[in-house]
C-alpha atoms as a PDB file:
ATOM      1  CA  UNK A   1     112.979  99.766  93.423  1.00  0.00           C
ATOM      2  CA  UNK A   2     111.057  96.787  92.381  1.00  0.00           C
ATOM      3  CA  UNK A   3     111.936  95.525  89.227  1.00  0.00           C
ATOM      4  CA  UNK A   4     108.491  93.278  89.019  1.00  0.00           C
ATOM      5  CA  UNK A   5     105.674  94.084  86.284  1.00  0.00           C
ATOM      6  CA  UNK A   6     102.555  94.638  86.943  1.00  0.00           C
ATOM      7  CA  UNK A   7     100.038  94.681  84.365  1.00  0.00           C
ATOM      8  CA  UNK A   8      98.456  98.583  84.117  1.00  0.00           C
ATOM      9  CA  UNK A   9      94.396  98.666  83.994  1.00  0.00           C
ATOM     10  CA  UNK A  10      92.361 101.667  83.158  1.00  0.00           C
ATOM     11  CA  UNK A  11      94.787 104.776  82.576  1.00  0.00           C
ATOM     12  CA  UNK A  12      97.545 102.990  83.353  1.00  0.00           C
ATOM     13  CA  UNK A  13      96.208 102.408  86.717  1.00  0.00           C
ATOM     14  CA  UNK A  14      97.194  98.977  88.385  1.00  0.00           C
ATOM     15  CA  UNK A  15      94.630  97.215  90.950  1.00  0.00           C
ATOM     16  CA  UNK A  16      95.040  97.097  94.622  1.00  0.00           C
ATOM     17  CA  UNK A  17      95.995  93.581  93.877  1.00  0.00           C
ATOM     18  CA  UNK A  18      98.875  94.123  91.639  1.00  0.00           C
ATOM     19  CA  UNK A  19     100.175  96.818  93.612  1.00  0.00           C
ATOM     20  CA  UNK A  20     100.363  94.530  96.593  1.00  0.00           C
ATOM     21  CA  UNK A  21     102.260  91.925  94.429  1.00  0.00           C
ATOM     22  CA  UNK A  22     104.750  94.973  93.331  1.00  0.00           C
ATOM     23  CA  UNK A  23     105.662  95.423  97.145  1.00  0.00           C
ATOM     24  CA  UNK A  24     105.003  91.970  98.793  1.00  0.00           C
ATOM     25  CA  UNK A  25     108.136  89.835  99.594  1.00  0.00           C
ATOM     26  CA  UNK A  26     109.762  87.029 101.636  1.00  0.00           C
ATOM     27  CA  UNK A  27     108.615  88.714 104.932  1.00  0.00           C
ATOM     28  CA  UNK A  28     105.194  90.358 103.248  1.00  0.00           C
ATOM     29  CA  UNK A  29     102.511  88.475 102.071  1.00  0.00           C
ATOM     30  CA  UNK A  30     100.486  89.690  98.975  1.00  0.00           C
ATOM     31  CA  UNK A  31      97.468  89.946 101.271  1.00  0.00           C
ATOM     32  CA  UNK A  32      99.123  91.693 104.055  1.00  0.00           C
ATOM     33  CA  UNK A  33     100.685  94.438 101.533  1.00  0.00           C
ATOM     34  CA  UNK A  34      97.124  94.746 100.555  1.00  0.00           C
ATOM     35  CA  UNK A  35      95.793  95.537 103.676  1.00  0.00           C
ATOM     36  CA  UNK A  36      98.690  97.668 104.293  1.00  0.00           C
ATOM     37  CA  UNK A  37      97.737  99.326 101.108  1.00  0.00           C
ATOM     38  CA  UNK A  38      94.208  99.842 102.191  1.00  0.00           C
ATOM     39  CA  UNK A  39      94.989 101.212 105.763  1.00  0.00           C
ATOM     40  CA  UNK A  40      97.281 104.205 103.322  1.00  0.00           C
ATOM     41  CA  UNK A  41      94.517 104.846 101.512  1.00  0.00           C
ATOM     42  CA  UNK A  42      91.903 105.167 104.174  1.00  0.00           C
ATOM     43  CA  UNK A  43      94.612 107.268 106.238  1.00  0.00           C
ATOM     44  CA  UNK A  44      94.972 109.531 103.513  1.00  0.00           C
ATOM     45  CA  UNK A  45      98.451 108.662 102.394  1.00  0.00           C
ATOM     46  CA  UNK A  46      98.074 107.121  98.918  1.00  0.00           C
ATOM     47  CA  UNK A  47      95.451 107.839  96.549  1.00  0.00           C
ATOM     48  CA  UNK A  48      93.310 105.290  94.875  1.00  0.00           C
ATOM     49  CA  UNK A  49      89.657 105.151  92.785  1.00  0.00           C
ATOM     50  CA  UNK A  50      87.923 102.746  95.597  1.00  0.00           C
ATOM     51  CA  UNK A  51      85.305  99.980  94.773  1.00  0.00           C
ATOM     52  CA  UNK A  52      83.937  98.397  97.745  1.00  0.00           C
ATOM     53  CA  UNK A  53      81.980  95.043  97.573  1.00  0.00           C
ATOM     54  CA  UNK A  54      78.767  94.409  99.188  1.00  0.00           C
ATOM     55  CA  UNK A  55      79.480  92.313 102.608  1.00  0.00           C
ATOM     56  CA  UNK A  56      77.748  89.323 100.887  1.00  0.00           C
ATOM     57  CA  UNK A  57      80.122  89.590  97.346  1.00  0.00           C
ATOM     58  CA  UNK A  58      83.117  88.523  99.499  1.00  0.00           C
ATOM     59  CA  UNK A  59      85.232  86.017  98.507  1.00  0.00           C
ATOM     60  CA  UNK A  60      87.950  84.764  99.895  1.00  0.00           C
ATOM     61  CA  UNK A  61      89.463  87.089 102.846  1.00  0.00           C
ATOM     62  CA  UNK A  62      88.093  90.211 103.056  1.00  0.00           C
ATOM     63  CA  UNK A  63      89.610  93.414 103.213  1.00  0.00           C
ATOM     64  CA  UNK A  64      88.865  96.263 105.829  1.00  0.00           C
ATOM     65  CA  UNK A  65      86.418  98.413 104.404  1.00  0.00           C
ATOM     66  CA  UNK A  66      85.304  95.664 102.066  1.00  0.00           C
ATOM     67  CA  UNK A  67      87.440  97.164  99.164  1.00  0.00           C
ATOM     68  CA  UNK A  68      87.496  95.107  96.362  1.00  0.00           C
ATOM     69  CA  UNK A  69      91.116  94.407  95.629  1.00  0.00           C
ATOM     70  CA  UNK A  70      90.822  93.686  91.663  1.00  0.00           C
ATOM     71  CA  UNK A  71      88.592  96.833  91.189  1.00  0.00           C
ATOM     72  CA  UNK A  72      90.071  99.380  93.044  1.00  0.00           C
ATOM     73  CA  UNK A  73      92.973 101.010  91.438  1.00  0.00           C
ATOM     74  CA  UNK A  74      96.046 102.907  92.061  1.00  0.00           C
ATOM     75  CA  UNK A  75      98.288 104.738  89.768  1.00  0.00           C
ATOM     76  CA  UNK A  76     101.991 103.691  89.552  1.00  0.00           C
ATOM     77  CA  UNK A  77     103.309 107.202  90.494  1.00  0.00           C
ATOM     78  CA  UNK A  78     101.022 107.392  93.454  1.00  0.00           C
ATOM     79  CA  UNK A  79     102.198 103.986  94.650  1.00  0.00           C
ATOM     80  CA  UNK A  80     105.983 104.965  93.743  1.00  0.00           C
ATOM     81  CA  UNK A  81     105.362 108.040  95.665  1.00  0.00           C
ATOM     82  CA  UNK A  82     104.082 106.837  98.535  1.00  0.00           C
ATOM     83  CA  UNK A  83     106.864 103.652  98.843  1.00  0.00           C
ATOM     84  CA  UNK A  84     109.377 106.740  98.654  1.00  0.00           C
ATOM     85  CA  UNK A  85     107.718 108.359 101.583  1.00  0.00           C
ATOM     86  CA  UNK A  86     107.585 105.042 103.553  1.00  0.00           C
ATOM     87  CA  UNK A  87     111.606 104.673 102.820  1.00  0.00           C
ATOM     88  CA  UNK A  88     112.468 108.280 103.724  1.00  0.00           C
ATOM     89  CA  UNK A  89     110.216 107.714 106.893  1.00  0.00           C
ATOM     90  CA  UNK A  90     112.702 104.583 107.561  1.00  0.00           C
ATOM     91  CA  UNK A  91     115.819 106.623 107.665  1.00  0.00           C
END
């Protein structure tokens, strides 16, 4: 389990960016981790409170589905459960 700390937001949830920072590493950039999390959310594998950008609001690298990485939130428990399922599937 990762021991890095991420600051929880409203209701103890992590922003998509903070969640991505927890799973990013040497072989996975933060942006790629965000895309992985968005994919999991869009496929019903990970619960999230989603906020979307209007296309004209994009700044920098956009995410699939115009997802706002700072205002979309994931609970720490849901993130950890998703990570455990992924680890279990890889065995």
